[in-house]
N, C-alpha and C. Protein backbone atom coordinates (compact mmCIF):
# COMPACT_ATOMS: atom_id res chain seq x y z
N UNK A 1 71.53 164.43 77.88
CA UNK A 1 70.41 165.26 78.33
C UNK A 1 69.77 164.61 79.56
N UNK A 2 69.54 165.40 80.58
CA UNK A 2 68.95 164.92 81.83
C UNK A 2 67.43 164.95 81.72
N UNK A 3 66.78 163.89 82.17
CA UNK A 3 65.33 163.80 82.18
C UNK A 3 64.81 164.57 83.39
N UNK A 4 64.22 165.75 83.17
CA UNK A 4 63.80 166.64 84.26
C UNK A 4 62.84 165.98 85.25
N UNK A 5 61.79 165.26 84.79
CA UNK A 5 60.90 164.62 85.79
C UNK A 5 61.64 163.62 86.68
N UNK A 6 62.58 162.87 86.11
CA UNK A 6 63.35 161.91 86.90
C UNK A 6 64.26 162.65 87.87
N UNK A 7 64.86 163.74 87.40
CA UNK A 7 65.73 164.54 88.28
C UNK A 7 64.94 165.08 89.48
N UNK A 8 63.73 165.58 89.23
CA UNK A 8 62.88 166.09 90.32
C UNK A 8 62.49 164.96 91.27
N UNK A 9 62.21 163.80 90.72
CA UNK A 9 61.87 162.63 91.53
C UNK A 9 63.04 162.27 92.44
N UNK A 10 64.24 162.25 91.89
CA UNK A 10 65.43 161.91 92.68
C UNK A 10 65.64 162.91 93.80
N UNK A 11 65.50 164.21 93.51
CA UNK A 11 65.68 165.24 94.53
C UNK A 11 64.67 165.04 95.67
N UNK A 12 63.42 164.78 95.33
CA UNK A 12 62.39 164.57 96.36
C UNK A 12 62.72 163.36 97.22
N UNK A 13 63.12 162.27 96.59
CA UNK A 13 63.46 161.05 97.33
C UNK A 13 64.67 161.29 98.23
N UNK A 14 65.68 161.96 97.70
CA UNK A 14 66.89 162.25 98.49
C UNK A 14 66.55 163.12 99.70
N UNK A 15 65.49 163.91 99.59
CA UNK A 15 65.05 164.76 100.70
C UNK A 15 64.09 164.04 101.64
N UNK A 16 63.95 162.73 101.49
CA UNK A 16 63.14 161.94 102.41
C UNK A 16 61.66 161.88 102.10
N UNK A 17 61.26 162.36 100.94
CA UNK A 17 59.85 162.32 100.56
C UNK A 17 59.46 160.95 100.02
N UNK A 18 58.23 160.56 100.25
CA UNK A 18 57.69 159.32 99.69
C UNK A 18 57.08 159.66 98.33
N UNK A 19 57.43 158.86 97.34
CA UNK A 19 56.87 159.04 96.00
C UNK A 19 56.36 157.70 95.50
N UNK A 20 55.28 157.73 94.72
CA UNK A 20 54.71 156.51 94.19
C UNK A 20 53.43 156.77 93.43
N UNK A 21 52.70 155.71 93.14
CA UNK A 21 51.39 155.84 92.49
C UNK A 21 50.65 154.52 92.62
N UNK A 22 49.37 154.56 92.29
CA UNK A 22 48.60 153.33 92.25
C UNK A 22 47.87 153.24 90.92
N UNK A 23 47.46 152.03 90.59
CA UNK A 23 46.77 151.81 89.33
C UNK A 23 45.95 150.52 89.42
N UNK A 24 45.03 150.39 88.48
CA UNK A 24 44.23 149.18 88.33
C UNK A 24 44.69 148.50 87.04
N UNK A 25 44.99 147.21 87.13
CA UNK A 25 45.37 146.42 85.95
C UNK A 25 44.48 145.19 85.87
N UNK A 26 44.16 144.80 84.65
CA UNK A 26 43.39 143.58 84.45
C UNK A 26 44.35 142.41 84.23
N UNK A 27 44.16 141.35 85.01
CA UNK A 27 44.97 140.14 84.87
C UNK A 27 44.00 138.96 84.78
N UNK A 28 44.06 138.24 83.67
CA UNK A 28 43.19 137.08 83.44
C UNK A 28 41.71 137.40 83.69
N UNK A 29 41.27 138.56 83.21
CA UNK A 29 39.88 138.95 83.33
C UNK A 29 39.47 139.51 84.68
N UNK A 30 40.41 139.65 85.60
CA UNK A 30 40.10 140.17 86.94
C UNK A 30 40.89 141.45 87.18
N UNK A 31 40.23 142.47 87.75
CA UNK A 31 40.91 143.73 88.06
C UNK A 31 41.67 143.63 89.37
N UNK A 32 42.90 144.13 89.33
CA UNK A 32 43.76 144.17 90.51
C UNK A 32 44.15 145.61 90.80
N UNK A 33 44.21 145.94 92.08
CA UNK A 33 44.70 147.23 92.54
C UNK A 33 46.18 147.06 92.87
N UNK A 34 47.01 147.93 92.32
CA UNK A 34 48.45 147.93 92.57
C UNK A 34 48.85 149.27 93.19
N UNK A 35 49.82 149.23 94.09
CA UNK A 35 50.40 150.46 94.63
C UNK A 35 51.91 150.25 94.71
N UNK A 36 52.64 151.29 94.30
CA UNK A 36 54.10 151.26 94.31
C UNK A 36 54.60 152.52 94.99
N UNK A 37 55.72 152.42 95.70
CA UNK A 37 56.28 153.61 96.35
C UNK A 37 57.76 153.41 96.60
N UNK A 38 58.44 154.54 96.84
CA UNK A 38 59.85 154.53 97.18
C UNK A 38 60.11 155.62 98.21
N UNK A 39 61.01 155.33 99.14
CA UNK A 39 61.37 156.29 100.18
C UNK A 39 62.81 156.02 100.62
N UNK A 40 63.56 157.08 100.83
CA UNK A 40 64.91 156.95 101.38
C UNK A 40 64.82 157.07 102.90
N UNK A 41 65.42 156.12 103.59
CA UNK A 41 65.41 156.14 105.05
C UNK A 41 66.70 155.49 105.54
N UNK A 42 67.41 156.18 106.40
CA UNK A 42 68.66 155.67 106.97
C UNK A 42 69.64 155.21 105.88
N UNK A 43 69.81 156.04 104.87
CA UNK A 43 70.75 155.77 103.76
C UNK A 43 70.39 154.55 102.92
N UNK A 44 69.18 154.04 103.07
CA UNK A 44 68.68 152.94 102.24
C UNK A 44 67.49 153.44 101.44
N UNK A 45 67.29 152.86 100.28
CA UNK A 45 66.15 153.19 99.43
C UNK A 45 65.16 152.04 99.52
N UNK A 46 64.04 152.30 100.17
CA UNK A 46 63.02 151.28 100.39
C UNK A 46 61.98 151.34 99.28
N UNK A 47 61.71 150.20 98.67
CA UNK A 47 60.67 150.12 97.65
C UNK A 47 59.48 149.36 98.21
N UNK A 48 58.31 149.74 97.74
CA UNK A 48 57.06 149.15 98.23
C UNK A 48 56.25 148.68 97.03
N UNK A 49 55.71 147.47 97.12
CA UNK A 49 54.87 146.89 96.08
C UNK A 49 53.67 146.25 96.77
N UNK A 50 52.46 146.60 96.30
CA UNK A 50 51.23 146.07 96.88
C UNK A 50 50.31 145.67 95.74
N UNK A 51 49.67 144.51 95.88
CA UNK A 51 48.75 144.01 94.85
C UNK A 51 47.62 143.25 95.52
N UNK A 52 46.38 143.49 95.05
CA UNK A 52 45.23 142.76 95.57
C UNK A 52 44.11 142.77 94.52
N UNK A 53 43.36 141.67 94.40
CA UNK A 53 42.19 141.71 93.53
C UNK A 53 41.22 142.78 94.05
N UNK A 54 40.69 143.57 93.13
CA UNK A 54 39.79 144.66 93.54
C UNK A 54 38.61 144.16 94.35
N UNK A 55 38.08 143.00 94.01
CA UNK A 55 36.90 142.50 94.72
C UNK A 55 37.23 141.89 96.08
N UNK A 56 38.49 141.92 96.49
CA UNK A 56 38.89 141.38 97.80
C UNK A 56 39.45 142.46 98.73
N UNK A 57 39.24 143.72 98.37
CA UNK A 57 39.80 144.83 99.15
C UNK A 57 39.33 144.81 100.61
N UNK A 58 38.11 144.38 100.85
CA UNK A 58 37.57 144.40 102.21
C UNK A 58 38.22 143.34 103.11
N UNK A 59 38.88 142.36 102.52
CA UNK A 59 39.57 141.32 103.29
C UNK A 59 41.03 141.24 102.81
N UNK A 60 41.67 142.40 102.74
CA UNK A 60 43.02 142.45 102.16
C UNK A 60 44.04 141.62 102.93
N UNK A 61 43.81 141.39 104.22
CA UNK A 61 44.76 140.60 105.01
C UNK A 61 44.94 139.20 104.42
N UNK A 62 43.89 138.67 103.82
CA UNK A 62 43.93 137.31 103.28
C UNK A 62 44.37 137.23 101.82
N UNK A 63 44.26 138.33 101.08
CA UNK A 63 44.47 138.26 99.64
C UNK A 63 45.57 139.18 99.10
N UNK A 64 46.08 140.08 99.89
CA UNK A 64 47.05 141.06 99.41
C UNK A 64 48.46 140.48 99.35
N UNK A 65 49.22 140.97 98.38
CA UNK A 65 50.65 140.72 98.29
C UNK A 65 51.33 142.05 98.58
N UNK A 66 52.20 142.06 99.56
CA UNK A 66 52.89 143.29 99.95
C UNK A 66 54.37 142.98 100.12
N UNK A 67 55.22 143.76 99.43
CA UNK A 67 56.66 143.54 99.50
C UNK A 67 57.37 144.86 99.75
N UNK A 68 58.29 144.85 100.70
CA UNK A 68 59.17 145.99 100.95
C UNK A 68 60.59 145.48 100.80
N UNK A 69 61.36 146.15 99.94
CA UNK A 69 62.75 145.78 99.71
C UNK A 69 63.63 146.99 99.97
N UNK A 70 64.88 146.76 100.36
CA UNK A 70 65.82 147.84 100.64
C UNK A 70 67.01 147.72 99.69
N UNK A 71 67.46 148.87 99.19
CA UNK A 71 68.58 148.93 98.27
C UNK A 71 69.57 149.98 98.76
N UNK A 72 70.84 149.77 98.43
CA UNK A 72 71.88 150.69 98.88
C UNK A 72 72.01 151.92 97.99
N UNK A 73 71.44 151.86 96.78
CA UNK A 73 71.48 153.04 95.91
C UNK A 73 70.18 153.16 95.12
N UNK A 74 69.92 154.37 94.67
CA UNK A 74 68.64 154.67 94.03
C UNK A 74 68.51 153.98 92.67
N UNK A 75 69.64 153.79 91.97
CA UNK A 75 69.59 153.12 90.67
C UNK A 75 69.07 151.69 90.80
N UNK A 76 69.54 150.98 91.80
CA UNK A 76 69.06 149.61 92.01
C UNK A 76 67.57 149.59 92.39
N UNK A 77 67.15 150.57 93.18
CA UNK A 77 65.73 150.66 93.55
C UNK A 77 64.87 150.92 92.31
N UNK A 78 65.30 151.86 91.46
CA UNK A 78 64.56 152.14 90.22
C UNK A 78 64.53 150.89 89.33
N UNK A 79 65.66 150.20 89.23
CA UNK A 79 65.72 149.00 88.39
C UNK A 79 64.78 147.91 88.89
N UNK A 80 64.59 147.82 90.19
CA UNK A 80 63.64 146.86 90.76
C UNK A 80 62.24 147.11 90.18
N UNK A 81 61.84 148.37 90.13
CA UNK A 81 60.53 148.72 89.56
C UNK A 81 60.51 148.45 88.06
N UNK A 82 61.56 148.88 87.36
CA UNK A 82 61.60 148.73 85.91
C UNK A 82 61.52 147.26 85.49
N UNK A 83 62.18 146.39 86.23
CA UNK A 83 62.16 144.96 85.91
C UNK A 83 60.76 144.35 86.05
N UNK A 84 59.90 145.01 86.83
CA UNK A 84 58.51 144.56 86.99
C UNK A 84 57.57 145.28 86.03
N UNK A 85 58.14 146.09 85.12
CA UNK A 85 57.34 146.81 84.14
C UNK A 85 56.64 148.03 84.70
N UNK A 86 57.15 148.57 85.80
CA UNK A 86 56.54 149.73 86.45
C UNK A 86 57.22 151.00 85.94
N UNK A 87 56.42 151.95 85.47
CA UNK A 87 56.92 153.20 84.89
C UNK A 87 57.19 154.20 86.01
N UNK A 88 58.47 154.41 86.34
CA UNK A 88 58.81 155.31 87.44
C UNK A 88 58.52 156.77 87.12
N UNK A 89 58.30 157.11 85.84
CA UNK A 89 57.96 158.49 85.52
C UNK A 89 56.56 158.84 86.02
N UNK A 90 55.76 157.85 86.41
CA UNK A 90 54.43 158.10 86.98
C UNK A 90 54.48 158.41 88.48
N UNK A 91 55.65 158.23 89.10
CA UNK A 91 55.76 158.47 90.54
C UNK A 91 55.54 159.94 90.83
N UNK A 92 54.76 160.21 91.88
CA UNK A 92 54.42 161.57 92.29
C UNK A 92 54.14 161.55 93.80
N UNK A 93 53.89 162.74 94.39
CA UNK A 93 53.54 162.73 95.82
C UNK A 93 52.30 161.86 96.06
N UNK A 94 52.32 161.13 97.16
CA UNK A 94 51.20 160.26 97.51
C UNK A 94 50.27 161.01 98.45
N UNK A 95 48.99 161.01 98.11
CA UNK A 95 48.00 161.64 98.96
C UNK A 95 47.31 160.57 99.79
N UNK A 96 46.94 160.94 100.99
CA UNK A 96 46.26 159.98 101.85
C UNK A 96 47.23 159.17 102.67
N UNK A 97 46.87 157.94 102.94
CA UNK A 97 47.66 157.05 103.78
C UNK A 97 48.94 156.62 103.06
N UNK A 98 50.09 156.88 103.68
CA UNK A 98 51.37 156.51 103.09
C UNK A 98 51.66 155.03 103.34
N UNK A 99 52.25 154.35 102.36
CA UNK A 99 52.52 152.92 102.51
C UNK A 99 53.63 152.61 103.51
N UNK A 100 54.52 153.54 103.76
CA UNK A 100 55.63 153.29 104.69
C UNK A 100 55.30 153.81 106.07
């Protein structure tokens, strides 16, 4: 049985759309803002990971962690997120400023 939300996500990504989401997580008593995204570009699947303490948003240049990785297939890109405990079923169109 095919997972319809994942199938729709794959179609959107294959069509060059950016998909992702953001969330707030508590780590050691401190709230962090996280953002994740994926985009297909030039036959590569680019993944985006961003993390910053919420109280440091105004000086993100000094405190943010930002990673962009490229994969040759979508399965490896999805696995990159899954290995970090990121639920790809939460990915949806991104509103506002795109990470890529």
